[in-house]
All heavy atoms as atom14 arrays in JSON, in Angstrom:
{
  "sequence": "TLAMAAKAREYKSRGINVISLSLGEPDFKTPKHIQEGAKS",
  "atom14_mask": [
    [1, 1, 1, 1, 1, 1, 1, 0, 0, 0, 0, 0, 0, 0],
    [1, 1, 1, 1, 1, 1, 1, 1, 0, 0, 0, 0, 0, 0],
    [1, 1, 1, 1, 1, 0, 0, 0, 0, 0, 0, 0, 0, 0],
    [1, 1, 1, 1, 1, 1, 1, 1, 0, 0, 0, 0, 0, 0],
    [1, 1, 1, 1, 1, 0, 0, 0, 0, 0, 0, 0, 0, 0],
    [1, 1, 1, 1, 1, 0, 0, 0, 0, 0, 0, 0, 0, 0],
    [1, 1, 1, 1, 1, 1, 1, 1, 1, 0, 0, 0, 0, 0],
    [1, 1, 1, 1, 1, 0, 0, 0, 0, 0, 0, 0, 0, 0],
    [1, 1, 1, 1, 1, 1, 1, 1, 1, 1, 1, 0, 0, 0],
    [1, 1, 1, 1, 1, 1, 1, 1, 1, 0, 0, 0, 0, 0],
    [1, 1, 1, 1, 1, 1, 1, 1, 1, 1, 1, 1, 0, 0],
    [1, 1, 1, 1, 1, 1, 1, 1, 1, 0, 0, 0, 0, 0],
    [1, 1, 1, 1, 1, 1, 0, 0, 0, 0, 0, 0, 0, 0],
    [1, 1, 1, 1, 1, 1, 1, 1, 1, 1, 1, 0, 0, 0],
    [1, 1, 1, 1, 0, 0, 0, 0, 0, 0, 0, 0, 0, 0],
    [1, 1, 1, 1, 1, 1, 1, 1, 0, 0, 0, 0, 0, 0],
    [1, 1, 1, 1, 1, 1, 1, 1, 0, 0, 0, 0, 0, 0],
    [1, 1, 1, 1, 1, 1, 1, 0, 0, 0, 0, 0, 0, 0],
    [1, 1, 1, 1, 1, 1, 1, 1, 0, 0, 0, 0, 0, 0],
    [1, 1, 1, 1, 1, 1, 0, 0, 0, 0, 0, 0, 0, 0],
    [1, 1, 1, 1, 1, 1, 1, 1, 0, 0, 0, 0, 0, 0],
    [1, 1, 1, 1, 1, 1, 0, 0, 0, 0, 0, 0, 0, 0],
    [1, 1, 1, 1, 1, 1, 1, 1, 0, 0, 0, 0, 0, 0],
    [1, 1, 1, 1, 0, 0, 0, 0, 0, 0, 0, 0, 0, 0],
    [1, 1, 1, 1, 1, 1, 1, 1, 1, 0, 0, 0, 0, 0],
    [1, 1, 1, 1, 1, 1, 1, 0, 0, 0, 0, 0, 0, 0],
    [1, 1, 1, 1, 1, 1, 1, 1, 0, 0, 0, 0, 0, 0],
    [1, 1, 1, 1, 1, 1, 1, 1, 1, 1, 1, 0, 0, 0],
    [1, 1, 1, 1, 1, 1, 1, 1, 1, 0, 0, 0, 0, 0],
    [1, 1, 1, 1, 1, 1, 1, 0, 0, 0, 0, 0, 0, 0],
    [1, 1, 1, 1, 1, 1, 1, 0, 0, 0, 0, 0, 0, 0],
    [1, 1, 1, 1, 1, 1, 1, 1, 1, 0, 0, 0, 0, 0],
    [1, 1, 1, 1, 1, 1, 1, 1, 1, 1, 0, 0, 0, 0],
    [1, 1, 1, 1, 1, 1, 1, 1, 0, 0, 0, 0, 0, 0],
    [1, 1, 1, 1, 1, 1, 1, 1, 1, 0, 0, 0, 0, 0],
    [1, 1, 1, 1, 1, 1, 1, 1, 1, 0, 0, 0, 0, 0],
    [1, 1, 1, 1, 0, 0, 0, 0, 0, 0, 0, 0, 0, 0],
    [1, 1, 1, 1, 1, 0, 0, 0, 0, 0, 0, 0, 0, 0],
    [1, 1, 1, 1, 1, 1, 1, 1, 1, 0, 0, 0, 0, 0],
    [1, 1, 1, 1, 1, 1, 0, 0, 0, 0, 0, 0, 0, 0]
  ],
  "atom14_positions": [
    [[108.01, 99.62, 94.57], [107.24, 100.26, 95.62], [106.82, 101.67, 95.26], [105.67, 102.14, 95.51], [108.07, 100.33, 96.95], [109.34, 100.94, 96.58], [108.31, 98.9, 97.51], [0.0, 0.0, 0.0], [0.0, 0.0, 0.0], [0.0, 0.0, 0.0], [0.0, 0.0, 0.0], [0.0, 0.0, 0.0], [0.0, 0.0, 0.0], [0.0, 0.0, 0.0]],
    [[107.67, 102.44, 94.62], [107.36, 103.8, 94.22], [106.3, 103.79, 93.06], [105.46, 104.62, 93.03], [108.68, 104.56, 93.79], [109.69, 104.68, 94.86], [110.91, 105.51, 94.34], [109.18, 105.41, 96.11], [0.0, 0.0, 0.0], [0.0, 0.0, 0.0], [0.0, 0.0, 0.0], [0.0, 0.0, 0.0], [0.0, 0.0, 0.0], [0.0, 0.0, 0.0]],
    [[106.43, 102.81, 92.13], [105.41, 102.63, 91.11], [104.06, 102.35, 91.62], [103.1, 103.03, 91.2], [105.88, 101.58, 90.13], [0.0, 0.0, 0.0], [0.0, 0.0, 0.0], [0.0, 0.0, 0.0], [0.0, 0.0, 0.0], [0.0, 0.0, 0.0], [0.0, 0.0, 0.0], [0.0, 0.0, 0.0], [0.0, 0.0, 0.0], [0.0, 0.0, 0.0]],
    [[103.94, 101.5, 92.6], [102.57, 101.24, 93.16], [102.09, 102.44, 93.96], [100.95, 102.74, 93.9], [102.68, 99.97, 94.06], [101.3, 99.65, 94.66], [100.04, 99.27, 93.41], [100.39, 97.6, 92.98], [0.0, 0.0, 0.0], [0.0, 0.0, 0.0], [0.0, 0.0, 0.0], [0.0, 0.0, 0.0], [0.0, 0.0, 0.0], [0.0, 0.0, 0.0]],
    [[102.98, 103.2, 94.59], [102.59, 104.35, 95.36], [102.02, 105.39, 94.29], [101.02, 106.07, 94.6], [103.71, 104.96, 96.11], [0.0, 0.0, 0.0], [0.0, 0.0, 0.0], [0.0, 0.0, 0.0], [0.0, 0.0, 0.0], [0.0, 0.0, 0.0], [0.0, 0.0, 0.0], [0.0, 0.0, 0.0], [0.0, 0.0, 0.0], [0.0, 0.0, 0.0]],
    [[102.65, 105.56, 93.17], [102.23, 106.41, 92.17], [100.82, 106.13, 91.62], [99.97, 106.95, 91.44], [103.19, 106.49, 91.0], [0.0, 0.0, 0.0], [0.0, 0.0, 0.0], [0.0, 0.0, 0.0], [0.0, 0.0, 0.0], [0.0, 0.0, 0.0], [0.0, 0.0, 0.0], [0.0, 0.0, 0.0], [0.0, 0.0, 0.0], [0.0, 0.0, 0.0]],
    [[100.55, 104.78, 91.39], [99.28, 104.29, 90.95], [98.19, 104.58, 92.06], [97.08, 105.02, 91.68], [99.3, 102.79, 90.68], [100.04, 102.47, 89.43], [99.93, 100.97, 89.04], [100.51, 100.66, 87.68], [102.01, 100.5, 87.77], [0.0, 0.0, 0.0], [0.0, 0.0, 0.0], [0.0, 0.0, 0.0], [0.0, 0.0, 0.0], [0.0, 0.0, 0.0]],
    [[98.58, 104.4, 93.29], [97.62, 104.74, 94.39], [97.26, 106.23, 94.32], [96.09, 106.56, 94.54], [98.22, 104.35, 95.71], [0.0, 0.0, 0.0], [0.0, 0.0, 0.0], [0.0, 0.0, 0.0], [0.0, 0.0, 0.0], [0.0, 0.0, 0.0], [0.0, 0.0, 0.0], [0.0, 0.0, 0.0], [0.0, 0.0, 0.0], [0.0, 0.0, 0.0]],
    [[98.27, 107.1, 94.14], [97.96, 108.47, 94.05], [97.07, 108.86, 92.86], [96.29, 109.74, 93.0], [99.33, 109.27, 94.01], [100.14, 109.38, 95.31], [101.22, 110.38, 95.22], [102.24, 110.04, 94.36], [103.27, 109.31, 94.58], [103.49, 108.8, 95.79], [104.2, 109.03, 93.65], [0.0, 0.0, 0.0], [0.0, 0.0, 0.0], [0.0, 0.0, 0.0]],
    [[97.21, 108.14, 91.85], [96.29, 108.4, 90.63], [94.83, 108.12, 91.09], [93.93, 108.92, 90.76], [96.66, 107.48, 89.48], [97.89, 107.86, 88.78], [98.27, 106.86, 87.67], [97.31, 106.15, 87.14], [99.39, 106.7, 87.26], [0.0, 0.0, 0.0], [0.0, 0.0, 0.0], [0.0, 0.0, 0.0], [0.0, 0.0, 0.0], [0.0, 0.0, 0.0]],
    [[94.63, 107.04, 91.81], [93.26, 106.77, 92.33], [92.81, 107.79, 93.22], [91.59, 108.34, 93.15], [93.25, 105.39, 93.01], [92.88, 104.23, 92.13], [93.92, 103.52, 91.45], [91.67, 103.8, 91.86], [93.65, 102.42, 90.61], [91.27, 102.8, 91.08], [92.3, 102.07, 90.4], [92.01, 101.07, 89.58], [0.0, 0.0, 0.0], [0.0, 0.0, 0.0]],
    [[93.66, 108.22, 94.16], [93.26, 109.3, 95.12], [92.89, 110.58, 94.45], [92.05, 111.27, 94.86], [94.43, 109.43, 96.13], [94.56, 108.22, 97.11], [95.76, 108.51, 98.06], [95.96, 107.3, 98.97], [97.09, 107.53, 99.91], [0.0, 0.0, 0.0], [0.0, 0.0, 0.0], [0.0, 0.0, 0.0], [0.0, 0.0, 0.0], [0.0, 0.0, 0.0]],
    [[93.63, 110.9, 93.4], [93.39, 112.16, 92.6], [92.04, 112.21, 91.95], [91.48, 113.26, 91.68], [94.51, 112.39, 91.6], [94.38, 111.47, 90.52], [0.0, 0.0, 0.0], [0.0, 0.0, 0.0], [0.0, 0.0, 0.0], [0.0, 0.0, 0.0], [0.0, 0.0, 0.0], [0.0, 0.0, 0.0], [0.0, 0.0, 0.0], [0.0, 0.0, 0.0]],
    [[91.47, 110.96, 91.81], [90.07, 110.84, 91.18], [89.01, 110.69, 92.33], [87.93, 110.46, 92.02], [90.1, 109.56, 90.31], [90.82, 109.85, 88.99], [91.29, 108.58, 88.37], [90.36, 107.41, 88.34], [90.82, 106.16, 88.07], [92.03, 105.93, 87.77], [89.9, 105.18, 88.01], [0.0, 0.0, 0.0], [0.0, 0.0, 0.0], [0.0, 0.0, 0.0]],
    [[89.46, 110.99, 93.55], [88.51, 111.06, 94.66], [88.21, 109.63, 95.24], [87.26, 109.49, 96.04], [0.0, 0.0, 0.0], [0.0, 0.0, 0.0], [0.0, 0.0, 0.0], [0.0, 0.0, 0.0], [0.0, 0.0, 0.0], [0.0, 0.0, 0.0], [0.0, 0.0, 0.0], [0.0, 0.0, 0.0], [0.0, 0.0, 0.0], [0.0, 0.0, 0.0]],
    [[89.04, 108.61, 94.91], [88.84, 107.31, 95.47], [89.66, 107.1, 96.7], [90.8, 107.41, 96.71], [89.22, 106.23, 94.35], [88.33, 106.33, 93.18], [89.14, 104.84, 94.9], [88.75, 105.56, 91.98], [0.0, 0.0, 0.0], [0.0, 0.0, 0.0], [0.0, 0.0, 0.0], [0.0, 0.0, 0.0], [0.0, 0.0, 0.0], [0.0, 0.0, 0.0]],
    [[89.03, 106.56, 97.75], [89.69, 106.38, 99.04], [90.59, 105.14, 98.94], [90.15, 104.02, 99.17], [88.61, 106.25, 100.09], [89.23, 105.94, 101.45], [90.47, 106.15, 101.69], [88.54, 105.37, 102.39], [0.0, 0.0, 0.0], [0.0, 0.0, 0.0], [0.0, 0.0, 0.0], [0.0, 0.0, 0.0], [0.0, 0.0, 0.0], [0.0, 0.0, 0.0]],
    [[91.82, 105.31, 98.69], [92.75, 104.25, 98.63], [93.61, 104.21, 100.04], [94.09, 105.26, 100.38], [93.82, 104.48, 97.43], [94.92, 103.39, 97.46], [93.05, 104.35, 96.13], [0.0, 0.0, 0.0], [0.0, 0.0, 0.0], [0.0, 0.0, 0.0], [0.0, 0.0, 0.0], [0.0, 0.0, 0.0], [0.0, 0.0, 0.0], [0.0, 0.0, 0.0]],
    [[93.66, 103.03, 100.51], [94.51, 102.89, 101.69], [95.86, 102.37, 101.22], [95.94, 101.32, 100.61], [93.88, 101.86, 102.68], [92.54, 102.46, 103.13], [94.81, 101.69, 103.93], [91.79, 101.47, 104.06], [0.0, 0.0, 0.0], [0.0, 0.0, 0.0], [0.0, 0.0, 0.0], [0.0, 0.0, 0.0], [0.0, 0.0, 0.0], [0.0, 0.0, 0.0]],
    [[96.95, 103.04, 101.53], [98.24, 102.74, 100.94], [99.04, 101.91, 102.05], [99.38, 102.38, 103.16], [99.05, 103.89, 100.63], [100.39, 103.62, 100.26], [0.0, 0.0, 0.0], [0.0, 0.0, 0.0], [0.0, 0.0, 0.0], [0.0, 0.0, 0.0], [0.0, 0.0, 0.0], [0.0, 0.0, 0.0], [0.0, 0.0, 0.0], [0.0, 0.0, 0.0]],
    [[99.3, 100.61, 101.63], [100.09, 99.72, 102.53], [101.37, 99.39, 101.65], [101.98, 98.34, 101.87], [99.39, 98.45, 102.91], [98.08, 98.72, 103.64], [97.51, 97.35, 104.04], [98.28, 99.63, 104.89], [0.0, 0.0, 0.0], [0.0, 0.0, 0.0], [0.0, 0.0, 0.0], [0.0, 0.0, 0.0], [0.0, 0.0, 0.0], [0.0, 0.0, 0.0]],
    [[101.71, 100.23, 100.7], [102.84, 99.87, 99.76], [104.19, 100.51, 100.13], [105.22, 99.83, 99.8], [102.43, 100.28, 98.36], [102.25, 101.67, 98.28], [0.0, 0.0, 0.0], [0.0, 0.0, 0.0], [0.0, 0.0, 0.0], [0.0, 0.0, 0.0], [0.0, 0.0, 0.0], [0.0, 0.0, 0.0], [0.0, 0.0, 0.0], [0.0, 0.0, 0.0]],
    [[104.22, 101.58, 100.81], [105.47, 102.16, 101.02], [106.09, 101.8, 102.42], [105.27, 101.62, 103.35], [105.44, 103.72, 100.95], [105.4, 104.34, 99.6], [105.3, 105.89, 99.7], [106.67, 103.98, 98.78], [0.0, 0.0, 0.0], [0.0, 0.0, 0.0], [0.0, 0.0, 0.0], [0.0, 0.0, 0.0], [0.0, 0.0, 0.0], [0.0, 0.0, 0.0]],
    [[107.34, 101.65, 102.5], [108.05, 101.4, 103.76], [108.27, 102.66, 104.49], [109.44, 103.07, 104.77], [0.0, 0.0, 0.0], [0.0, 0.0, 0.0], [0.0, 0.0, 0.0], [0.0, 0.0, 0.0], [0.0, 0.0, 0.0], [0.0, 0.0, 0.0], [0.0, 0.0, 0.0], [0.0, 0.0, 0.0], [0.0, 0.0, 0.0], [0.0, 0.0, 0.0]],
    [[107.21, 103.4, 104.9], [107.35, 104.64, 105.5], [106.66, 104.77, 106.92], [105.45, 104.49, 106.96], [106.75, 105.74, 104.6], [106.75, 107.11, 105.24], [107.18, 108.17, 104.21], [106.69, 108.15, 103.07], [108.0, 109.05, 104.61], [0.0, 0.0, 0.0], [0.0, 0.0, 0.0], [0.0, 0.0, 0.0], [0.0, 0.0, 0.0], [0.0, 0.0, 0.0]],
    [[107.34, 104.99, 108.01], [106.66, 105.08, 109.26], [105.61, 106.17, 109.24], [105.68, 107.16, 108.52], [107.83, 105.7, 110.2], [109.1, 105.13, 109.55], [108.84, 105.2, 108.12], [0.0, 0.0, 0.0], [0.0, 0.0, 0.0], [0.0, 0.0, 0.0], [0.0, 0.0, 0.0], [0.0, 0.0, 0.0], [0.0, 0.0, 0.0], [0.0, 0.0, 0.0]],
    [[104.53, 105.86, 109.85], [103.38, 106.81, 109.93], [103.49, 107.76, 111.06], [102.56, 108.53, 111.3], [102.03, 106.06, 109.91], [101.91, 105.08, 111.19], [102.84, 104.38, 111.49], [100.81, 105.16, 111.73], [0.0, 0.0, 0.0], [0.0, 0.0, 0.0], [0.0, 0.0, 0.0], [0.0, 0.0, 0.0], [0.0, 0.0, 0.0], [0.0, 0.0, 0.0]],
    [[104.52, 107.68, 111.76], [104.82, 108.65, 112.88], [105.54, 109.85, 112.37], [106.23, 109.85, 111.4], [105.65, 107.96, 114.01], [105.0, 106.73, 114.65], [105.36, 105.45, 114.23], [104.09, 106.88, 115.59], [104.74, 104.33, 114.78], [103.37, 105.8, 116.19], [103.83, 104.52, 115.72], [0.0, 0.0, 0.0], [0.0, 0.0, 0.0], [0.0, 0.0, 0.0]],
    [[105.45, 110.94, 113.11], [106.21, 112.12, 112.85], [107.57, 112.01, 113.48], [107.76, 111.3, 114.5], [105.51, 113.37, 113.39], [104.11, 113.63, 112.95], [104.12, 113.95, 111.4], [102.67, 114.24, 110.95], [102.61, 114.43, 109.48], [0.0, 0.0, 0.0], [0.0, 0.0, 0.0], [0.0, 0.0, 0.0], [0.0, 0.0, 0.0], [0.0, 0.0, 0.0]],
    [[108.52, 112.68, 112.91], [109.86, 112.67, 113.52], [109.72, 113.27, 114.97], [109.04, 114.21, 115.18], [110.83, 113.65, 112.82], [110.92, 113.2, 111.36], [112.21, 113.69, 113.43], [0.0, 0.0, 0.0], [0.0, 0.0, 0.0], [0.0, 0.0, 0.0], [0.0, 0.0, 0.0], [0.0, 0.0, 0.0], [0.0, 0.0, 0.0], [0.0, 0.0, 0.0]],
    [[110.28, 112.51, 115.97], [110.19, 112.96, 117.35], [110.48, 114.39, 117.54], [111.4, 114.94, 116.96], [111.1, 112.05, 118.11], [111.13, 110.73, 117.31], [110.99, 111.23, 115.88], [0.0, 0.0, 0.0], [0.0, 0.0, 0.0], [0.0, 0.0, 0.0], [0.0, 0.0, 0.0], [0.0, 0.0, 0.0], [0.0, 0.0, 0.0], [0.0, 0.0, 0.0]],
    [[109.81, 115.08, 118.44], [109.89, 116.54, 118.69], [111.26, 116.94, 119.01], [111.82, 118.0, 118.51], [108.91, 116.94, 119.75], [108.51, 118.39, 119.71], [107.59, 118.67, 118.55], [107.11, 120.19, 118.59], [106.35, 120.48, 117.38], [0.0, 0.0, 0.0], [0.0, 0.0, 0.0], [0.0, 0.0, 0.0], [0.0, 0.0, 0.0], [0.0, 0.0, 0.0]],
    [[111.99, 116.16, 119.86], [113.31, 116.59, 120.3], [114.37, 116.62, 119.11], [115.25, 117.43, 119.07], [113.84, 115.81, 121.35], [114.25, 114.37, 121.06], [113.33, 113.42, 120.75], [115.43, 113.8, 120.95], [113.93, 112.38, 120.53], [115.29, 112.49, 120.57], [0.0, 0.0, 0.0], [0.0, 0.0, 0.0], [0.0, 0.0, 0.0], [0.0, 0.0, 0.0]],
    [[114.05, 115.78, 118.08], [114.96, 115.76, 116.89], [114.58, 116.95, 116.07], [115.49, 117.63, 115.54], [114.8, 114.46, 116.18], [115.13, 113.22, 117.09], [115.56, 114.45, 114.88], [114.81, 111.89, 116.38], [0.0, 0.0, 0.0], [0.0, 0.0, 0.0], [0.0, 0.0, 0.0], [0.0, 0.0, 0.0], [0.0, 0.0, 0.0], [0.0, 0.0, 0.0]],
    [[113.41, 117.3, 115.93], [112.95, 118.53, 115.17], [113.6, 119.76, 115.85], [114.11, 120.61, 115.19], [111.43, 118.68, 115.2], [110.58, 117.61, 114.54], [109.18, 117.92, 114.56], [108.73, 119.02, 114.51], [108.41, 116.83, 114.77], [0.0, 0.0, 0.0], [0.0, 0.0, 0.0], [0.0, 0.0, 0.0], [0.0, 0.0, 0.0], [0.0, 0.0, 0.0]],
    [[113.65, 119.82, 117.24], [114.25, 120.87, 117.87], [115.73, 120.96, 117.68], [116.23, 122.1, 117.61], [113.92, 120.86, 119.41], [112.48, 120.92, 119.81], [111.87, 122.3, 119.4], [112.64, 123.3, 119.36], [110.74, 122.33, 119.0], [0.0, 0.0, 0.0], [0.0, 0.0, 0.0], [0.0, 0.0, 0.0], [0.0, 0.0, 0.0], [0.0, 0.0, 0.0]],
    [[116.37, 119.76, 117.53], [117.84, 119.79, 117.23], [118.06, 120.46, 115.88], [119.06, 121.24, 115.71], [0.0, 0.0, 0.0], [0.0, 0.0, 0.0], [0.0, 0.0, 0.0], [0.0, 0.0, 0.0], [0.0, 0.0, 0.0], [0.0, 0.0, 0.0], [0.0, 0.0, 0.0], [0.0, 0.0, 0.0], [0.0, 0.0, 0.0], [0.0, 0.0, 0.0]],
    [[117.21, 120.25, 114.86], [117.38, 120.86, 113.66], [117.05, 122.36, 113.7], [117.78, 123.17, 113.09], [116.46, 120.24, 112.63], [0.0, 0.0, 0.0], [0.0, 0.0, 0.0], [0.0, 0.0, 0.0], [0.0, 0.0, 0.0], [0.0, 0.0, 0.0], [0.0, 0.0, 0.0], [0.0, 0.0, 0.0], [0.0, 0.0, 0.0], [0.0, 0.0, 0.0]],
    [[116.09, 122.77, 114.5], [115.77, 124.2, 114.58], [116.95, 124.87, 115.28], [117.3, 126.03, 114.83], [114.46, 124.34, 115.4], [113.22, 123.92, 114.7], [112.02, 124.1, 115.65], [110.75, 123.48, 115.03], [109.64, 123.57, 116.0], [0.0, 0.0, 0.0], [0.0, 0.0, 0.0], [0.0, 0.0, 0.0], [0.0, 0.0, 0.0], [0.0, 0.0, 0.0]],
    [[117.52, 124.28, 116.31], [118.68, 124.91, 116.99], [119.84, 125.11, 116.01], [120.52, 126.19, 116.11], [119.11, 124.03, 118.1], [118.07, 123.98, 119.09], [0.0, 0.0, 0.0], [0.0, 0.0, 0.0], [0.0, 0.0, 0.0], [0.0, 0.0, 0.0], [0.0, 0.0, 0.0], [0.0, 0.0, 0.0], [0.0, 0.0, 0.0], [0.0, 0.0, 0.0]]
  ]
}
């Protein structure tokens, strides 16, 4: 998964629009109240 993500980044660095569906990563941000817990 990390190897394919690295290859996709190579394409992106050359200005090619790659859509990445390779990583198991939520596309949401960490909820705000959890961020606030860390800040506190």
